[in-house]
Amino acid sequence: MCANVPVEPDPVVADSAALRPLSARSVVLSLLLGVHPPELPVRDLVRLVEPFGIGGSTLRAALSRMVAAGDLRRTDAVYRLSDRLLERQRRQDDAVRPRTRAWHGDWEMVVITATGRGPAERAELRARLTALRLAELREGVWLRPANLDRPLPAEVHRVALTYTARPDEPPGELAARLWPLAEWAATARSLLAHAARADRPADRFTAYAAAVRHLLADPVLPPVLLPADWPGEELRTAYAGYRRDLGAGLGARGA
């Protein structure tokens, strides 16, 4: 199994990689997002949250609230992710093992054509396009190198036109303008350092939960467009090793 990203706001990662402790809700969701199928008996949850100082009564209260909120479903003494969170799990799986293809210089371009959308709809579309690892060149125009092996979903085609483009700007300069690559790399290295020096299981769990969240923001660019010593693959490899270690704790449940 693996400790995946919490669904609460990102922990603050300062220069020292000090991470905010996870709430009971975040710990439970991180655990369930990391197992396949995404379900755990309450007895396993009690054992797994104990290193975080989360007692049984606190856990049960959190589970009840999460079921009421539609985050979880319960059958007997087993809790599983609700259908609406399965897409989040798929995104996290893809963050750890992104599907890529050879890049020959083409870029995906998405131009938003729908009008009359309210602020909430616009924010939702922006979040969706960002999750697809596109970056906004200007309002309504989104780009990325065409090296991802994935189609754009139908909901994007309903509100946008899509093109294959070859910008005149040098691709390395364009990538550096679209994504904060230096900042992403610095945070990745900070997380790696924090995880390496963490002594307690809860501290490692927190660091790798933040690492998966950070991998969701990795643009997964072709290597030729990345700065030297890009730490993306190192962070994925470290996380995979941590996931294997945790997998021993749940045996065949490991993802």
Protein backbone atom coordinates (compact mmCIF):
# COMPACT_ATOMS: atom_id res chain seq x y z
CA MET A 1 0.00 0.00 0.00
CA CYS A 2 1.10 3.58 -0.24
CA ALA A 3 0.65 6.84 1.56
CA ASN A 4 -0.89 9.08 -1.01
CA VAL A 5 -1.78 12.73 -1.08
CA PRO A 6 -4.19 14.16 1.46
CA VAL A 7 -7.15 16.03 0.08
CA GLU A 8 -6.75 18.98 2.42
CA PRO A 9 -4.66 21.99 1.34
CA ASP A 10 -0.98 21.36 0.64
CA PRO A 11 1.30 21.20 3.67
CA VAL A 12 3.60 24.19 3.87
CA VAL A 13 7.08 23.17 2.75
CA ALA A 14 9.55 25.78 3.95
CA ASP A 15 13.28 25.76 3.26
CA SER A 16 13.64 23.27 6.09
CA ALA A 17 10.85 21.11 4.60
CA ALA A 18 8.79 21.50 7.77
CA LEU A 19 5.49 19.77 7.05
CA ARG A 20 2.18 20.42 8.71
CA PRO A 21 0.86 17.35 10.58
CA LEU A 22 -2.00 15.60 8.82
CA SER A 23 -5.49 15.55 10.29
CA ALA A 24 -7.34 12.29 10.94
CA ARG A 25 -9.32 12.85 7.74
CA SER A 26 -6.17 13.40 5.68
CA VAL A 27 -4.46 10.32 7.09
CA VAL A 28 -7.48 8.09 6.38
CA LEU A 29 -7.87 9.41 2.84
CA SER A 30 -4.15 9.13 2.16
CA LEU A 31 -4.23 5.49 3.22
CA LEU A 32 -7.30 4.62 1.17
CA LEU A 33 -6.09 6.49 -1.89
CA GLY A 34 -3.01 4.29 -1.79
CA VAL A 35 -4.56 0.82 -1.71
CA HIS A 36 -6.08 -1.18 -4.54
CA PRO A 37 -8.96 -1.84 -4.15
CA PRO A 38 -9.37 1.39 -2.10
CA GLU A 39 -10.83 -0.16 1.05
CA LEU A 40 -9.61 -1.07 4.54
CA PRO A 41 -11.21 -2.76 7.54
CA VAL A 42 -11.57 -0.52 10.56
CA ARG A 43 -9.15 -2.72 12.52
CA ASP A 44 -6.40 -1.93 9.98
CA LEU A 45 -7.23 1.77 10.08
CA VAL A 46 -6.99 1.80 13.88
CA ARG A 47 -3.52 0.26 13.70
CA LEU A 48 -2.29 2.46 10.87
CA VAL A 49 -3.35 5.80 12.35
CA GLU A 50 -1.94 5.07 15.80
CA PRO A 51 1.56 6.45 14.99
CA PHE A 52 -0.10 9.81 14.31
CA GLY A 53 -1.53 9.99 17.83
CA ILE A 54 -5.04 9.40 16.50
CA GLY A 55 -7.04 7.36 19.00
CA GLY A 56 -9.92 5.04 18.27
CA SER A 57 -12.65 7.48 19.27
CA THR A 58 -11.14 10.27 17.15
CA LEU A 59 -10.83 7.90 14.21
CA ARG A 60 -14.42 6.69 14.47
CA ALA A 61 -15.71 10.26 14.67
CA ALA A 62 -13.71 11.17 11.56
CA LEU A 63 -14.99 8.10 9.71
CA SER A 64 -18.59 8.98 10.55
CA ARG A 65 -18.13 12.52 9.26
CA MET A 66 -16.47 11.27 6.08
CA VAL A 67 -19.30 8.85 5.35
CA ALA A 68 -21.84 11.64 5.92
CA ALA A 69 -19.87 13.95 3.61
CA GLY A 70 -19.77 11.36 0.82
CA ASP A 71 -16.00 10.76 1.00
CA LEU A 72 -16.37 7.15 2.11
CA ARG A 73 -18.79 4.25 1.90
CA ARG A 74 -19.14 1.68 4.66
CA THR A 75 -20.07 -1.98 4.42
CA ASP A 76 -20.03 -3.78 7.75
CA ALA A 77 -16.63 -2.88 9.26
CA VAL A 78 -14.94 -2.00 5.93
CA TYR A 79 -14.52 1.55 4.66
CA ARG A 80 -13.92 2.31 0.98
CA LEU A 81 -13.54 5.41 -1.15
CA SER A 82 -16.71 6.81 -2.66
CA ASP A 83 -17.07 6.79 -6.43
CA ARG A 84 -16.32 10.49 -6.69
CA LEU A 85 -12.85 10.01 -5.18
CA LEU A 86 -11.84 7.19 -7.52
CA GLU A 87 -10.87 9.76 -10.16
CA ARG A 88 -8.49 11.31 -7.61
CA GLN A 89 -6.92 7.90 -7.08
CA ARG A 90 -6.48 7.46 -10.83
CA ARG A 91 -4.78 10.85 -11.03
CA GLN A 92 -2.43 9.91 -8.21
CA ASP A 93 -1.56 6.61 -9.84
CA ASP A 94 -0.75 8.51 -13.01
CA ALA A 95 1.38 10.98 -11.05
CA VAL A 96 3.56 8.11 -9.86
CA ARG A 97 3.65 6.32 -13.23
CA PRO A 98 2.94 8.90 -15.96
CA ARG A 99 2.38 7.47 -19.43
CA THR A 100 4.58 9.23 -21.97
CA ARG A 101 5.51 8.86 -25.62
CA ALA A 102 8.39 10.06 -27.76
CA TRP A 103 8.33 13.79 -28.37
CA HIS A 104 8.93 15.13 -31.89
CA GLY A 105 8.44 18.84 -31.23
CA ASP A 106 4.65 19.15 -31.41
CA TRP A 107 2.62 20.88 -28.70
CA GLU A 108 -0.97 20.36 -27.60
CA MET A 109 -2.98 23.58 -27.71
CA VAL A 110 -6.41 23.96 -26.11
CA VAL A 111 -8.40 27.14 -26.86
CA ILE A 112 -11.46 27.73 -24.70
CA THR A 113 -14.44 28.72 -26.84
CA ALA A 114 -17.39 28.35 -24.43
CA THR A 115 -18.84 31.58 -23.07
CA GLY A 116 -21.27 32.54 -20.33
CA ARG A 117 -19.69 30.36 -17.65
CA GLY A 118 -19.83 31.51 -14.04
CA PRO A 119 -16.81 31.85 -11.71
CA ALA A 120 -17.25 28.37 -10.24
CA GLU A 121 -17.39 26.75 -13.69
CA ARG A 122 -14.33 28.68 -14.85
CA ALA A 123 -12.39 27.67 -11.73
CA GLU A 124 -13.39 24.04 -12.21
CA LEU A 125 -12.24 24.08 -15.83
CA ARG A 126 -8.93 25.67 -14.89
CA ALA A 127 -8.36 22.99 -12.25
CA ARG A 128 -9.23 20.30 -14.79
CA LEU A 129 -6.80 21.64 -17.39
CA THR A 130 -4.06 22.02 -14.80
CA ALA A 131 -4.64 18.41 -13.71
CA LEU A 132 -4.13 17.42 -17.35
CA ARG A 133 -0.69 19.08 -17.05
CA LEU A 134 -1.53 21.91 -19.41
CA ALA A 135 -0.30 25.44 -18.66
CA GLU A 136 -2.04 28.72 -19.49
CA LEU A 137 -0.18 30.88 -22.00
CA ARG A 138 -2.83 33.60 -21.81
CA GLU A 139 -6.46 33.62 -20.80
CA GLY A 140 -8.23 30.79 -22.59
CA VAL A 141 -5.13 29.41 -24.32
CA TRP A 142 -3.44 26.34 -22.81
CA LEU A 143 -0.33 24.49 -23.99
CA ARG A 144 1.99 21.61 -23.31
CA PRO A 145 4.43 19.43 -25.27
CA ALA A 146 2.61 16.53 -26.94
CA ASN A 147 4.51 13.80 -25.07
CA LEU A 148 1.74 12.45 -22.83
CA ASP A 149 0.04 9.23 -23.85
CA ARG A 150 -3.50 10.23 -22.96
CA PRO A 151 -6.52 11.66 -24.78
CA LEU A 152 -8.19 14.83 -23.63
CA PRO A 153 -11.54 14.04 -21.96
CA ALA A 154 -14.88 14.72 -23.61
CA GLU A 155 -15.73 17.54 -21.20
CA VAL A 156 -12.73 19.52 -22.50
CA HIS A 157 -13.79 19.03 -26.13
CA ARG A 158 -17.26 20.34 -25.25
CA VAL A 159 -15.89 23.75 -24.24
CA ALA A 160 -12.73 24.09 -26.32
CA LEU A 161 -11.08 23.57 -29.66
CA THR A 162 -7.84 21.57 -29.73
CA TYR A 163 -4.89 21.91 -32.06
CA THR A 164 -1.41 20.56 -32.68
CA ALA A 165 1.01 23.47 -32.76
CA ARG A 166 4.70 24.32 -33.23
CA PRO A 167 5.35 27.64 -31.46
CA ASP A 168 8.01 29.92 -32.91
CA GLU A 169 9.48 30.51 -29.44
CA PRO A 170 12.33 28.12 -28.55
CA PRO A 171 10.67 25.21 -26.72
CA GLY A 172 12.97 25.33 -23.72
CA GLU A 173 12.28 29.02 -23.17
CA LEU A 174 8.53 28.48 -23.58
CA ALA A 175 8.51 25.63 -21.07
CA ALA A 176 10.43 27.72 -18.56
CA ARG A 177 7.88 30.52 -19.01
CA LEU A 178 4.85 28.25 -18.61
CA TRP A 179 5.98 26.30 -15.53
CA PRO A 180 7.93 27.36 -12.39
CA LEU A 181 10.50 24.62 -12.95
CA ALA A 182 13.16 25.89 -10.54
CA GLU A 183 10.62 26.21 -7.71
CA TRP A 184 9.19 22.74 -8.40
CA ALA A 185 12.65 21.18 -8.35
CA ALA A 186 13.63 22.98 -5.13
CA THR A 187 10.53 21.71 -3.33
CA ALA A 188 11.10 18.17 -4.63
CA ARG A 189 14.66 18.18 -3.27
CA SER A 190 13.43 19.57 0.04
CA LEU A 191 10.89 16.75 0.33
CA LEU A 192 13.52 14.14 -0.51
CA ALA A 193 15.83 15.53 2.17
CA HIS A 194 13.02 15.64 4.73
CA ALA A 195 12.00 12.04 4.02
CA ALA A 196 15.61 10.85 4.22
CA ARG A 197 16.17 12.31 7.68
CA ALA A 198 12.75 11.46 9.13
CA ASP A 199 13.13 9.05 12.09
CA ARG A 200 9.47 8.42 12.95
CA PRO A 201 7.03 6.53 10.69
CA ALA A 202 4.51 9.37 10.94
CA ASP A 203 7.10 11.90 9.71
CA ARG A 204 7.98 9.74 6.69
CA PHE A 205 4.31 9.21 5.92
CA THR A 206 3.70 12.96 6.02
CA ALA A 207 6.69 13.66 3.77
CA TYR A 208 5.64 11.11 1.16
CA ALA A 209 2.01 12.20 1.28
CA ALA A 210 3.28 15.68 0.38
CA ALA A 211 5.56 14.13 -2.26
CA VAL A 212 2.63 12.57 -4.10
CA ARG A 213 0.78 15.87 -3.99
CA HIS A 214 3.87 17.50 -5.44
CA LEU A 215 4.13 14.91 -8.22
CA LEU A 216 0.62 15.88 -9.34
CA ALA A 217 2.12 19.27 -10.27
CA ASP A 218 5.07 17.80 -12.18
CA PRO A 219 4.55 18.92 -15.81
CA VAL A 220 6.19 15.67 -17.04
CA LEU A 221 8.05 17.48 -19.81
CA PRO A 222 10.29 15.79 -22.38
CA PRO A 223 13.78 15.44 -20.89
CA VAL A 224 15.24 17.86 -23.46
CA LEU A 225 13.06 20.66 -22.00
CA LEU A 226 13.98 20.05 -18.37
CA PRO A 227 16.74 21.75 -16.37
CA ALA A 228 19.81 19.72 -15.52
CA ASP A 229 19.46 17.41 -12.50
CA TRP A 230 15.66 17.46 -12.62
CA PRO A 231 14.55 15.53 -9.48
CA GLY A 232 11.21 14.22 -10.77
CA GLU A 233 12.32 10.65 -11.36
CA GLU A 234 14.31 10.60 -8.12
CA LEU A 235 11.20 11.62 -6.19
CA ARG A 236 9.14 8.92 -7.93
CA THR A 237 11.78 6.28 -7.23
CA ALA A 238 12.02 7.25 -3.55
CA TYR A 239 8.26 7.14 -3.21
CA ALA A 240 8.08 3.74 -4.93
CA GLY A 241 10.59 2.39 -2.40
CA TYR A 242 8.55 3.79 0.46
CA ARG A 243 5.41 2.26 -0.99
CA ARG A 244 7.09 -1.15 -1.12
CA ASP A 245 8.11 -0.79 2.53
CA LEU A 246 4.58 0.07 3.55
CA GLY A 247 3.20 -2.70 1.38
CA ALA A 248 4.79 -5.25 3.69
CA GLY A 249 2.55 -3.95 6.44
CA LEU A 250 -0.62 -4.88 4.59
CA GLY A 251 0.63 -7.87 2.66
CA ALA A 252 -1.33 -8.51 -0.50
CA ARG A 253 -3.24 -5.24 -0.10
CA GLY A 254 -0.21 -3.27 -1.25
CA ALA A 255 -0.77 -1.28 -4.44
